């Protein structure tokens, strides 16, 4: 799956990943390869990128939105900082 993380200032991440864990308004959820189409609001919290089955990267994000469509996940956030 292709993941892009965007802030108003710049692109934080772009690449192929195994999955991503996101802090949704109602709780933490995970998007994996070939996920059904989805749009969701995000709250401030930690986002974890699963680059493959063993490598991960974590970001602290401010609120925003995520869109999943055609095996592409786009995360739009006010700000993000790598942990």
C-alpha atoms as a PDB file:
ATOM      1  CA  UNK A   1       0.000   0.000   0.000  1.00  0.00           C
ATOM      2  CA  UNK A   2       1.172   3.541  -0.701  1.00  0.00           C
ATOM      3  CA  UNK A   3       1.225   5.952   2.258  1.00  0.00           C
ATOM      4  CA  UNK A   4       1.564   9.736   2.138  1.00  0.00           C
ATOM      5  CA  UNK A   5       1.682  11.962   5.220  1.00  0.00           C
ATOM      6  CA  UNK A   6       1.133  15.646   4.485  1.00  0.00           C
ATOM      7  CA  UNK A   7       1.131  18.818   6.613  1.00  0.00           C
ATOM      8  CA  UNK A   8       0.342  22.340   5.381  1.00  0.00           C
ATOM      9  CA  UNK A   9       4.106  23.005   5.223  1.00  0.00           C
ATOM     10  CA  UNK A  10       5.546  19.830   3.671  1.00  0.00           C
ATOM     11  CA  UNK A  11       5.336  16.144   2.816  1.00  0.00           C
ATOM     12  CA  UNK A  12       6.498  14.151   5.870  1.00  0.00           C
ATOM     13  CA  UNK A  13       6.486  10.652   4.362  1.00  0.00           C
ATOM     14  CA  UNK A  14       5.788   8.983   1.046  1.00  0.00           C
ATOM     15  CA  UNK A  15       6.361   5.332   0.218  1.00  0.00           C
ATOM     16  CA  UNK A  16       5.211   1.721   0.201  1.00  0.00           C
ATOM     17  CA  UNK A  17       4.274   0.298   3.613  1.00  0.00           C
ATOM     18  CA  UNK A  18       2.732  -2.824   5.157  1.00  0.00           C
ATOM     19  CA  UNK A  19       0.242  -0.788   7.215  1.00  0.00           C
ATOM     20  CA  UNK A  20      -0.330   2.204   9.487  1.00  0.00           C
ATOM     21  CA  UNK A  21      -1.866   2.606  12.965  1.00  0.00           C
ATOM     22  CA  UNK A  22      -3.776   5.865  13.482  1.00  0.00           C
ATOM     23  CA  UNK A  23      -5.426   7.682  16.433  1.00  0.00           C
ATOM     24  CA  UNK A  24      -9.041   8.031  15.302  1.00  0.00           C
ATOM     25  CA  UNK A  25     -11.611  10.168  17.120  1.00  0.00           C
ATOM     26  CA  UNK A  26     -13.241   6.999  18.536  1.00  0.00           C
ATOM     27  CA  UNK A  27      -9.978   5.154  19.189  1.00  0.00           C
ATOM     28  CA  UNK A  28      -6.909   3.619  17.609  1.00  0.00           C
ATOM     29  CA  UNK A  29      -7.350   1.779  14.292  1.00  0.00           C
ATOM     30  CA  UNK A  30      -5.126   0.161  11.688  1.00  0.00           C
ATOM     31  CA  UNK A  31      -5.130   0.316   7.886  1.00  0.00           C
ATOM     32  CA  UNK A  32      -3.501  -2.600   6.053  1.00  0.00           C
ATOM     33  CA  UNK A  33      -2.929  -3.522   2.403  1.00  0.00           C
ATOM     34  CA  UNK A  34      -6.116  -3.534   0.258  1.00  0.00           C
ATOM     35  CA  UNK A  35      -8.234  -1.884   2.997  1.00  0.00           C
ATOM     36  CA  UNK A  36     -11.780  -0.858   2.072  1.00  0.00           C
ATOM     37  CA  UNK A  37     -12.315   2.826   1.157  1.00  0.00           C
ATOM     38  CA  UNK A  38     -12.450   5.021   4.255  1.00  0.00           C
ATOM     39  CA  UNK A  39     -12.416   8.654   5.378  1.00  0.00           C
ATOM     40  CA  UNK A  40     -11.907   9.378   9.081  1.00  0.00           C
ATOM     41  CA  UNK A  41     -11.073  12.267  11.395  1.00  0.00           C
ATOM     42  CA  UNK A  42      -7.923  11.914  13.496  1.00  0.00           C
ATOM     43  CA  UNK A  43      -7.168  13.291  16.947  1.00  0.00           C
ATOM     44  CA  UNK A  44      -3.776  14.243  18.341  1.00  0.00           C
ATOM     45  CA  UNK A  45      -1.730  11.179  19.272  1.00  0.00           C
ATOM     46  CA  UNK A  46       0.853   8.730  17.996  1.00  0.00           C
ATOM     47  CA  UNK A  47       0.835   7.239  14.505  1.00  0.00           C
ATOM     48  CA  UNK A  48       2.870   4.095  13.792  1.00  0.00           C
ATOM     49  CA  UNK A  49       3.999   3.193  10.287  1.00  0.00           C
ATOM     50  CA  UNK A  50       4.581  -0.533   9.690  1.00  0.00           C
ATOM     51  CA  UNK A  51       7.203  -0.377   6.946  1.00  0.00           C
ATOM     52  CA  UNK A  52       7.324  -4.191   6.846  1.00  0.00           C
ATOM     53  CA  UNK A  53       6.670  -6.967   9.347  1.00  0.00           C
ATOM     54  CA  UNK A  54       9.665  -5.950  11.508  1.00  0.00           C
ATOM     55  CA  UNK A  55      10.524  -2.264  10.819  1.00  0.00           C
ATOM     56  CA  UNK A  56       8.401   0.605  12.148  1.00  0.00           C
ATOM     57  CA  UNK A  57       8.499   4.395  12.398  1.00  0.00           C
ATOM     58  CA  UNK A  58       6.467   6.513  14.824  1.00  0.00           C
ATOM     59  CA  UNK A  59       5.196  10.082  14.596  1.00  0.00           C
ATOM     60  CA  UNK A  60       3.412  12.327  17.057  1.00  0.00           C
ATOM     61  CA  UNK A  61       0.609  14.006  15.105  1.00  0.00           C
ATOM     62  CA  UNK A  62      -1.866  16.800  15.663  1.00  0.00           C
ATOM     63  CA  UNK A  63      -5.461  16.427  14.509  1.00  0.00           C
ATOM     64  CA  UNK A  64      -6.362  15.839  10.891  1.00  0.00           C
ATOM     65  CA  UNK A  65      -7.937  13.390   8.454  1.00  0.00           C
ATOM     66  CA  UNK A  66      -7.118  10.137   6.665  1.00  0.00           C
ATOM     67  CA  UNK A  67      -8.423   8.930   3.313  1.00  0.00           C
ATOM     68  CA  UNK A  68      -8.035   5.347   2.066  1.00  0.00           C
ATOM     69  CA  UNK A  69      -8.855   4.731  -1.602  1.00  0.00           C
ATOM     70  CA  UNK A  70      -7.489   2.302  -4.225  1.00  0.00           C
ATOM     71  CA  UNK A  71      -4.755   0.902  -1.931  1.00  0.00           C
ATOM     72  CA  UNK A  72      -3.456   4.449  -1.280  1.00  0.00           C
ATOM     73  CA  UNK A  73      -3.624   6.047   2.180  1.00  0.00           C
ATOM     74  CA  UNK A  74      -3.316   9.817   2.520  1.00  0.00           C
ATOM     75  CA  UNK A  75      -2.932  11.328   5.996  1.00  0.00           C
ATOM     76  CA  UNK A  76      -3.514  15.092   6.233  1.00  0.00           C
ATOM     77  CA  UNK A  77      -2.470  16.542   9.611  1.00  0.00           C
ATOM     78  CA  UNK A  78      -1.848  19.968  11.124  1.00  0.00           C
ATOM     79  CA  UNK A  79       1.613  18.894  12.260  1.00  0.00           C
ATOM     80  CA  UNK A  80       3.779  15.809  12.741  1.00  0.00           C
ATOM     81  CA  UNK A  81       7.052  15.084  14.505  1.00  0.00           C
ATOM     82  CA  UNK A  82       9.076  11.861  14.242  1.00  0.00           C
ATOM     83  CA  UNK A  83       9.532  10.051  17.571  1.00  0.00           C
END
